[in-house]
Amino acid sequence: RWNEYMADILIWDADRAQPRLQEV
């Protein structure tokens, strides 16, 4: 529900995944 609530203001990838960043 939160993701649907935010969908109108966020740019999502097709699968809505948040890419995990690699720690360097």
PDB file of all heavy atoms in Angstrom:
ATOM      1  N   ARG A   1       0.833  -1.218   0.000  1.00  0.00           N
ATOM      2  CA  ARG A   1       0.000   0.000   0.000  1.00  0.00           C
ATOM      3  C   ARG A   1       0.861   1.259   0.000  1.00  0.00           C
ATOM      4  O   ARG A   1       0.538   2.236  -0.681  1.00  0.00           O
ATOM      5  CB  ARG A   1      -0.937   0.007   1.211  1.00  0.00           C
ATOM      6  CG  ARG A   1      -2.105  -0.938   1.061  1.00  0.00           C
ATOM      7  CD  ARG A   1      -3.179  -0.731   2.124  1.00  0.00           C
ATOM      8  NE  ARG A   1      -2.681  -1.003   3.477  1.00  0.00           N
ATOM      9  CZ  ARG A   1      -2.623  -0.099   4.471  1.00  0.00           C
ATOM     10  NH1 ARG A   1      -3.047   1.119   4.296  1.00  0.00           N
ATOM     11  NH2 ARG A   1      -2.166  -0.450   5.656  1.00  0.00           N
ATOM     12  N   TRP A   2       1.961   1.255   0.768  1.00  0.00           N
ATOM     13  CA  TRP A   2       2.865   2.418   0.800  1.00  0.00           C
ATOM     14  C   TRP A   2       3.452   2.657  -0.586  1.00  0.00           C
ATOM     15  O   TRP A   2       3.523   3.802  -1.054  1.00  0.00           O
ATOM     16  CB  TRP A   2       3.972   2.211   1.839  1.00  0.00           C
ATOM     17  CG  TRP A   2       4.915   3.377   1.921  1.00  0.00           C
ATOM     18  CD1 TRP A   2       6.129   3.497   1.311  1.00  0.00           C
ATOM     19  CD2 TRP A   2       4.705   4.599   2.627  1.00  0.00           C
ATOM     20  NE1 TRP A   2       6.689   4.720   1.610  1.00  0.00           N
ATOM     21  CE2 TRP A   2       5.831   5.405   2.424  1.00  0.00           C
ATOM     22  CE3 TRP A   2       3.667   5.077   3.426  1.00  0.00           C
ATOM     23  CZ2 TRP A   2       5.965   6.680   2.980  1.00  0.00           C
ATOM     24  CZ3 TRP A   2       3.803   6.342   3.991  1.00  0.00           C
ATOM     25  CH2 TRP A   2       4.933   7.126   3.759  1.00  0.00           C
ATOM     26  N   ASN A   3       3.880   1.593  -1.244  1.00  0.00           N
ATOM     27  CA  ASN A   3       4.457   1.732  -2.581  1.00  0.00           C
ATOM     28  C   ASN A   3       3.435   2.306  -3.564  1.00  0.00           C
ATOM     29  O   ASN A   3       3.789   3.137  -4.409  1.00  0.00           O
ATOM     30  CB  ASN A   3       4.995   0.393  -3.071  1.00  0.00           C
ATOM     31  CG  ASN A   3       6.254  -0.012  -2.337  1.00  0.00           C
ATOM     32  OD1 ASN A   3       6.943   0.818  -1.743  1.00  0.00           O
ATOM     33  ND2 ASN A   3       6.569  -1.289  -2.357  1.00  0.00           N
ATOM     34  N   GLU A   4       2.194   1.880  -3.456  1.00  0.00           N
ATOM     35  CA  GLU A   4       1.140   2.448  -4.307  1.00  0.00           C
ATOM     36  C   GLU A   4       0.920   3.924  -3.986  1.00  0.00           C
ATOM     37  O   GLU A   4       0.729   4.738  -4.893  1.00  0.00           O
ATOM     38  CB  GLU A   4      -0.163   1.664  -4.138  1.00  0.00           C
ATOM     39  CG  GLU A   4      -0.150   0.308  -4.796  1.00  0.00           C
ATOM     40  CD  GLU A   4       0.100   0.377  -6.303  1.00  0.00           C
ATOM     41  OE1 GLU A   4      -0.492   1.254  -6.980  1.00  0.00           O
ATOM     42  OE2 GLU A   4       0.905  -0.434  -6.789  1.00  0.00           O
ATOM     43  N   TYR A   5       0.946   4.259  -2.711  1.00  0.00           N
ATOM     44  CA  TYR A   5       0.790   5.644  -2.247  1.00  0.00           C
ATOM     45  C   TYR A   5       1.899   6.540  -2.800  1.00  0.00           C
ATOM     46  O   TYR A   5       1.663   7.696  -3.141  1.00  0.00           O
ATOM     47  CB  TYR A   5       0.792   5.638  -0.719  1.00  0.00           C
ATOM     48  CG  TYR A   5       0.745   6.962  -0.022  1.00  0.00           C
ATOM     49  CD1 TYR A   5      -0.279   7.878  -0.246  1.00  0.00           C
ATOM     50  CD2 TYR A   5       1.717   7.294   0.926  1.00  0.00           C
ATOM     51  CE1 TYR A   5      -0.328   9.096   0.442  1.00  0.00           C
ATOM     52  CE2 TYR A   5       1.677   8.494   1.611  1.00  0.00           C
ATOM     53  CZ  TYR A   5       0.654   9.389   1.362  1.00  0.00           C
ATOM     54  OH  TYR A   5       0.606  10.571   2.046  1.00  0.00           O
ATOM     55  N   MET A   6       3.088   6.008  -2.929  1.00  0.00           N
ATOM     56  CA  MET A   6       4.243   6.782  -3.388  1.00  0.00           C
ATOM     57  C   MET A   6       4.440   6.738  -4.903  1.00  0.00           C
ATOM     58  O   MET A   6       5.221   7.511  -5.454  1.00  0.00           O
ATOM     59  CB  MET A   6       5.518   6.261  -2.698  1.00  0.00           C
ATOM     60  CG  MET A   6       5.492   6.360  -1.181  1.00  0.00           C
ATOM     61  SD  MET A   6       5.293   8.052  -0.581  1.00  0.00           S
ATOM     62  CE  MET A   6       6.919   8.692  -0.926  1.00  0.00           C
ATOM     63  N   ALA A   7       3.714   5.880  -5.592  1.00  0.00           N
ATOM     64  CA  ALA A   7       3.951   5.639  -7.022  1.00  0.00           C
ATOM     65  C   ALA A   7       3.790   6.882  -7.885  1.00  0.00           C
ATOM     66  O   ALA A   7       4.464   7.014  -8.909  1.00  0.00           O
ATOM     67  CB  ALA A   7       3.027   4.533  -7.525  1.00  0.00           C
ATOM     68  N   ASP A   8       2.930   7.824  -7.490  1.00  0.00           N
ATOM     69  CA  ASP A   8       2.711   9.003  -8.320  1.00  0.00           C
ATOM     70  C   ASP A   8       3.837  10.025  -8.227  1.00  0.00           C
ATOM     71  O   ASP A   8       3.883  10.954  -9.039  1.00  0.00           O
ATOM     72  CB  ASP A   8       1.367   9.659  -7.979  1.00  0.00           C
ATOM     73  CG  ASP A   8       1.310  10.208  -6.563  1.00  0.00           C
ATOM     74  OD1 ASP A   8       1.853   9.563  -5.644  1.00  0.00           O
ATOM     75  OD2 ASP A   8       0.707  11.281  -6.369  1.00  0.00           O
ATOM     76  N   ILE A   9       4.755   9.868  -7.281  1.00  0.00           N
ATOM     77  CA  ILE A   9       5.835  10.850  -7.143  1.00  0.00           C
ATOM     78  C   ILE A   9       7.224  10.237  -7.294  1.00  0.00           C
ATOM     79  O   ILE A   9       8.213  10.966  -7.309  1.00  0.00           O
ATOM     80  CB  ILE A   9       5.738  11.628  -5.811  1.00  0.00           C
ATOM     81  CG1 ILE A   9       5.863  10.716  -4.602  1.00  0.00           C
ATOM     82  CG2 ILE A   9       4.451  12.444  -5.768  1.00  0.00           C
ATOM     83  CD1 ILE A   9       5.954  11.456  -3.274  1.00  0.00           C
ATOM     84  N   LEU A  10       7.310   8.917  -7.417  1.00  0.00           N
ATOM     85  CA  LEU A  10       8.600   8.253  -7.566  1.00  0.00           C
ATOM     86  C   LEU A  10       8.747   7.675  -8.960  1.00  0.00           C
ATOM     87  O   LEU A  10       7.767   7.301  -9.597  1.00  0.00           O
ATOM     88  CB  LEU A  10       8.754   7.127  -6.546  1.00  0.00           C
ATOM     89  CG  LEU A  10       8.990   7.553  -5.111  1.00  0.00           C
ATOM     90  CD1 LEU A  10       9.036   6.331  -4.207  1.00  0.00           C
ATOM     91  CD2 LEU A  10      10.266   8.355  -4.971  1.00  0.00           C
ATOM     92  N   ILE A  11       9.979   7.576  -9.400  1.00  0.00           N
ATOM     93  CA  ILE A  11      10.299   6.914 -10.659  1.00  0.00           C
ATOM     94  C   ILE A  11      10.840   5.541 -10.287  1.00  0.00           C
ATOM     95  O   ILE A  11      11.896   5.415  -9.661  1.00  0.00           O
ATOM     96  CB  ILE A  11      11.327   7.723 -11.469  1.00  0.00           C
ATOM     97  CG1 ILE A  11      10.744   9.095 -11.791  1.00  0.00           C
ATOM     98  CG2 ILE A  11      11.739   6.955 -12.717  1.00  0.00           C
ATOM     99  CD1 ILE A  11      11.733  10.075 -12.365  1.00  0.00           C
ATOM    100  N   TRP A  12      10.055   4.519 -10.621  1.00  0.00           N
ATOM    101  CA  TRP A  12      10.402   3.142 -10.283  1.00  0.00           C
ATOM    102  C   TRP A  12      10.949   2.426 -11.506  1.00  0.00           C
ATOM    103  O   TRP A  12      10.540   2.683 -12.624  1.00  0.00           O
ATOM    104  CB  TRP A  12       9.163   2.375  -9.839  1.00  0.00           C
ATOM    105  CG  TRP A  12       8.503   2.848  -8.603  1.00  0.00           C
ATOM    106  CD1 TRP A  12       7.397   3.632  -8.519  1.00  0.00           C
ATOM    107  CD2 TRP A  12       8.872   2.569  -7.261  1.00  0.00           C
ATOM    108  NE1 TRP A  12       7.062   3.852  -7.211  1.00  0.00           N
ATOM    109  CE2 TRP A  12       7.954   3.205  -6.423  1.00  0.00           C
ATOM    110  CE3 TRP A  12       9.906   1.814  -6.689  1.00  0.00           C
ATOM    111  CZ2 TRP A  12       8.028   3.115  -5.029  1.00  0.00           C
ATOM    112  CZ3 TRP A  12       9.974   1.739  -5.313  1.00  0.00           C
ATOM    113  CH2 TRP A  12       9.042   2.387  -4.509  1.00  0.00           C
ATOM    114  N   ASP A  13      11.826   1.468 -11.258  1.00  0.00           N
ATOM    115  CA  ASP A  13      12.193   0.536 -12.308  1.00  0.00           C
ATOM    116  C   ASP A  13      10.975  -0.346 -12.569  1.00  0.00           C
ATOM    117  O   ASP A  13      10.047  -0.382 -11.768  1.00  0.00           O
ATOM    118  CB  ASP A  13      13.383  -0.327 -11.878  1.00  0.00           C
ATOM    119  CG  ASP A  13      14.670   0.488 -11.785  1.00  0.00           C
ATOM    120  OD1 ASP A  13      14.775   1.517 -12.469  1.00  0.00           O
ATOM    121  OD2 ASP A  13      15.556   0.084 -11.016  1.00  0.00           O
ATOM    122  N   ALA A  14      11.000  -1.077 -13.640  1.00  0.00           N
ATOM    123  CA  ALA A  14       9.852  -1.899 -14.016  1.00  0.00           C
ATOM    124  C   ALA A  14       9.434  -2.858 -12.909  1.00  0.00           C
ATOM    125  O   ALA A  14       8.257  -3.083 -12.688  1.00  0.00           O
ATOM    126  CB  ALA A  14      10.171  -2.681 -15.282  1.00  0.00           C
ATOM    127  N   ASP A  15      10.402  -3.395 -12.164  1.00  0.00           N
ATOM    128  CA  ASP A  15      10.068  -4.361 -11.115  1.00  0.00           C
ATOM    129  C   ASP A  15       9.968  -3.718  -9.736  1.00  0.00           C
ATOM    130  O   ASP A  15       9.801  -4.409  -8.736  1.00  0.00           O
ATOM    131  CB  ASP A  15      11.078  -5.505 -11.095  1.00  0.00           C
ATOM    132  CG  ASP A  15      12.484  -5.037 -10.748  1.00  0.00           C
ATOM    133  OD1 ASP A  15      12.700  -3.824 -10.543  1.00  0.00           O
ATOM    134  OD2 ASP A  15      13.372  -5.893 -10.672  1.00  0.00           O
ATOM    135  N   ARG A  16      10.074  -2.387  -9.668  1.00  0.00           N
ATOM    136  CA  ARG A  16       9.997  -1.643  -8.412  1.00  0.00           C
ATOM    137  C   ARG A  16      11.074  -2.027  -7.410  1.00  0.00           C
ATOM    138  O   ARG A  16      10.948  -1.778  -6.226  1.00  0.00           O
ATOM    139  CB  ARG A  16       8.636  -1.790  -7.750  1.00  0.00           C
ATOM    140  CG  ARG A  16       7.552  -1.085  -8.478  1.00  0.00           C
ATOM    141  CD  ARG A  16       6.315  -1.093  -7.645  1.00  0.00           C
ATOM    142  NE  ARG A  16       5.415  -0.091  -8.179  1.00  0.00           N
ATOM    143  CZ  ARG A  16       4.341   0.302  -7.585  1.00  0.00           C
ATOM    144  NH1 ARG A  16       4.008  -0.174  -6.424  1.00  0.00           N
ATOM    145  NH2 ARG A  16       3.571   1.213  -8.127  1.00  0.00           N
ATOM    146  N   ALA A  17      12.119  -2.655  -7.850  1.00  0.00           N
ATOM    147  CA  ALA A  17      13.192  -3.042  -6.935  1.00  0.00           C
ATOM    148  C   ALA A  17      14.079  -1.836  -6.635  1.00  0.00           C
ATOM    149  O   ALA A  17      14.326  -1.015  -7.503  1.00  0.00           O
ATOM    150  CB  ALA A  17      14.032  -4.152  -7.556  1.00  0.00           C
ATOM    151  N   GLN A  18      14.503  -1.760  -5.409  1.00  0.00           N
ATOM    152  CA  GLN A  18      15.492  -0.755  -5.036  1.00  0.00           C
ATOM    153  C   GLN A  18      16.847  -1.433  -5.157  1.00  0.00           C
ATOM    154  O   GLN A  18      17.148  -2.345  -4.387  1.00  0.00           O
ATOM    155  CB  GLN A  18      15.282  -0.276  -3.606  1.00  0.00           C
ATOM    156  CG  GLN A  18      14.005   0.482  -3.402  1.00  0.00           C
ATOM    157  CD  GLN A  18      13.799   0.838  -1.939  1.00  0.00           C
ATOM    158  OE1 GLN A  18      14.277   0.178  -1.048  1.00  0.00           O
ATOM    159  NE2 GLN A  18      13.065   1.893  -1.709  1.00  0.00           N
ATOM    160  N   PRO A  19      17.648  -1.027  -6.134  1.00  0.00           N
ATOM    161  CA  PRO A  19      18.932  -1.709  -6.303  1.00  0.00           C
ATOM    162  C   PRO A  19      19.818  -1.512  -5.078  1.00  0.00           C
ATOM    163  O   PRO A  19      19.962  -0.405  -4.578  1.00  0.00           O
ATOM    164  CB  PRO A  19      19.526  -1.047  -7.541  1.00  0.00           C
ATOM    165  CG  PRO A  19      18.830   0.257  -7.660  1.00  0.00           C
ATOM    166  CD  PRO A  19      17.472   0.078  -7.048  1.00  0.00           C
ATOM    167  N   ARG A  20      20.346  -2.599  -4.594  1.00  0.00           N
ATOM    168  CA  ARG A  20      21.233  -2.546  -3.436  1.00  0.00           C
ATOM    169  C   ARG A  20      22.601  -2.063  -3.886  1.00  0.00           C
ATOM    170  O   ARG A  20      23.175  -2.593  -4.834  1.00  0.00           O
ATOM    171  CB  ARG A  20      21.342  -3.936  -2.809  1.00  0.00           C
ATOM    172  CG  ARG A  20      22.170  -3.941  -1.559  1.00  0.00           C
ATOM    173  CD  ARG A  20      22.161  -5.308  -0.929  1.00  0.00           C
ATOM    174  NE  ARG A  20      22.899  -5.283   0.302  1.00  0.00           N
ATOM    175  CZ  ARG A  20      23.044  -6.331   1.080  1.00  0.00           C
ATOM    176  NH1 ARG A  20      22.488  -7.477   0.750  1.00  0.00           N
ATOM    177  NH2 ARG A  20      23.730  -6.250   2.193  1.00  0.00           N
ATOM    178  N   LEU A  21      23.115  -1.072  -3.196  1.00  0.00           N
ATOM    179  CA  LEU A  21      24.414  -0.525  -3.529  1.00  0.00           C
ATOM    180  C   LEU A  21      25.519  -1.342  -2.871  1.00  0.00           C
ATOM    181  O   LEU A  21      25.352  -1.865  -1.770  1.00  0.00           O
ATOM    182  CB  LEU A  21      24.510   0.929  -3.079  1.00  0.00           C
ATOM    183  CG  LEU A  21      23.459   1.874  -3.692  1.00  0.00           C
ATOM    184  CD1 LEU A  21      23.648   3.282  -3.149  1.00  0.00           C
ATOM    185  CD2 LEU A  21      23.529   1.868  -5.189  1.00  0.00           C
ATOM    186  N   GLN A  22      26.643  -1.422  -3.548  1.00  0.00           N
ATOM    187  CA  GLN A  22      27.785  -2.157  -3.048  1.00  0.00           C
ATOM    188  C   GLN A  22      28.622  -1.273  -2.134  1.00  0.00           C
ATOM    189  O   GLN A  22      28.957  -0.147  -2.506  1.00  0.00           O
ATOM    190  CB  GLN A  22      28.648  -2.650  -4.216  1.00  0.00           C
ATOM    191  CG  GLN A  22      29.872  -3.403  -3.814  1.00  0.00           C
ATOM    192  CD  GLN A  22      30.719  -3.787  -5.011  1.00  0.00           C
ATOM    193  OE1 GLN A  22      30.508  -3.308  -6.125  1.00  0.00           O
ATOM    194  NE2 GLN A  22      31.696  -4.621  -4.793  1.00  0.00           N
ATOM    195  N   GLU A  23      28.922  -1.758  -0.957  1.00  0.00           N
ATOM    196  CA  GLU A  23      29.771  -0.999  -0.030  1.00  0.00           C
ATOM    197  C   GLU A  23      31.209  -1.040  -0.521  1.00  0.00           C
ATOM    198  O   GLU A  23      31.727  -2.113  -0.829  1.00  0.00           O
ATOM    199  CB  GLU A  23      29.685  -1.617   1.368  1.00  0.00           C
ATOM    200  CG  GLU A  23      30.431  -0.819   2.407  1.00  0.00           C
ATOM    201  CD  GLU A  23      30.257  -1.395   3.800  1.00  0.00           C
ATOM    202  OE1 GLU A  23      29.108  -1.488   4.267  1.00  0.00           O
ATOM    203  OE2 GLU A  23      31.284  -1.742   4.423  1.00  0.00           O
ATOM    204  N   VAL A  24      31.843   0.136  -0.609  1.00  0.00           N
ATOM    205  CA  VAL A  24      33.231   0.204  -1.065  1.00  0.00           C
ATOM    206  C   VAL A  24      34.166   0.827  -0.030  1.00  0.00           C
ATOM    207  O   VAL A  24      35.379   0.751  -0.168  1.00  0.00           O
ATOM    208  CB  VAL A  24      33.365   0.946  -2.412  1.00  0.00           C
ATOM    209  CG1 VAL A  24      32.646   0.180  -3.515  1.00  0.00           C
ATOM    210  CG2 VAL A  24      32.840   2.369  -2.310  1.00  0.00           C
TER     211      VAL A  24
END
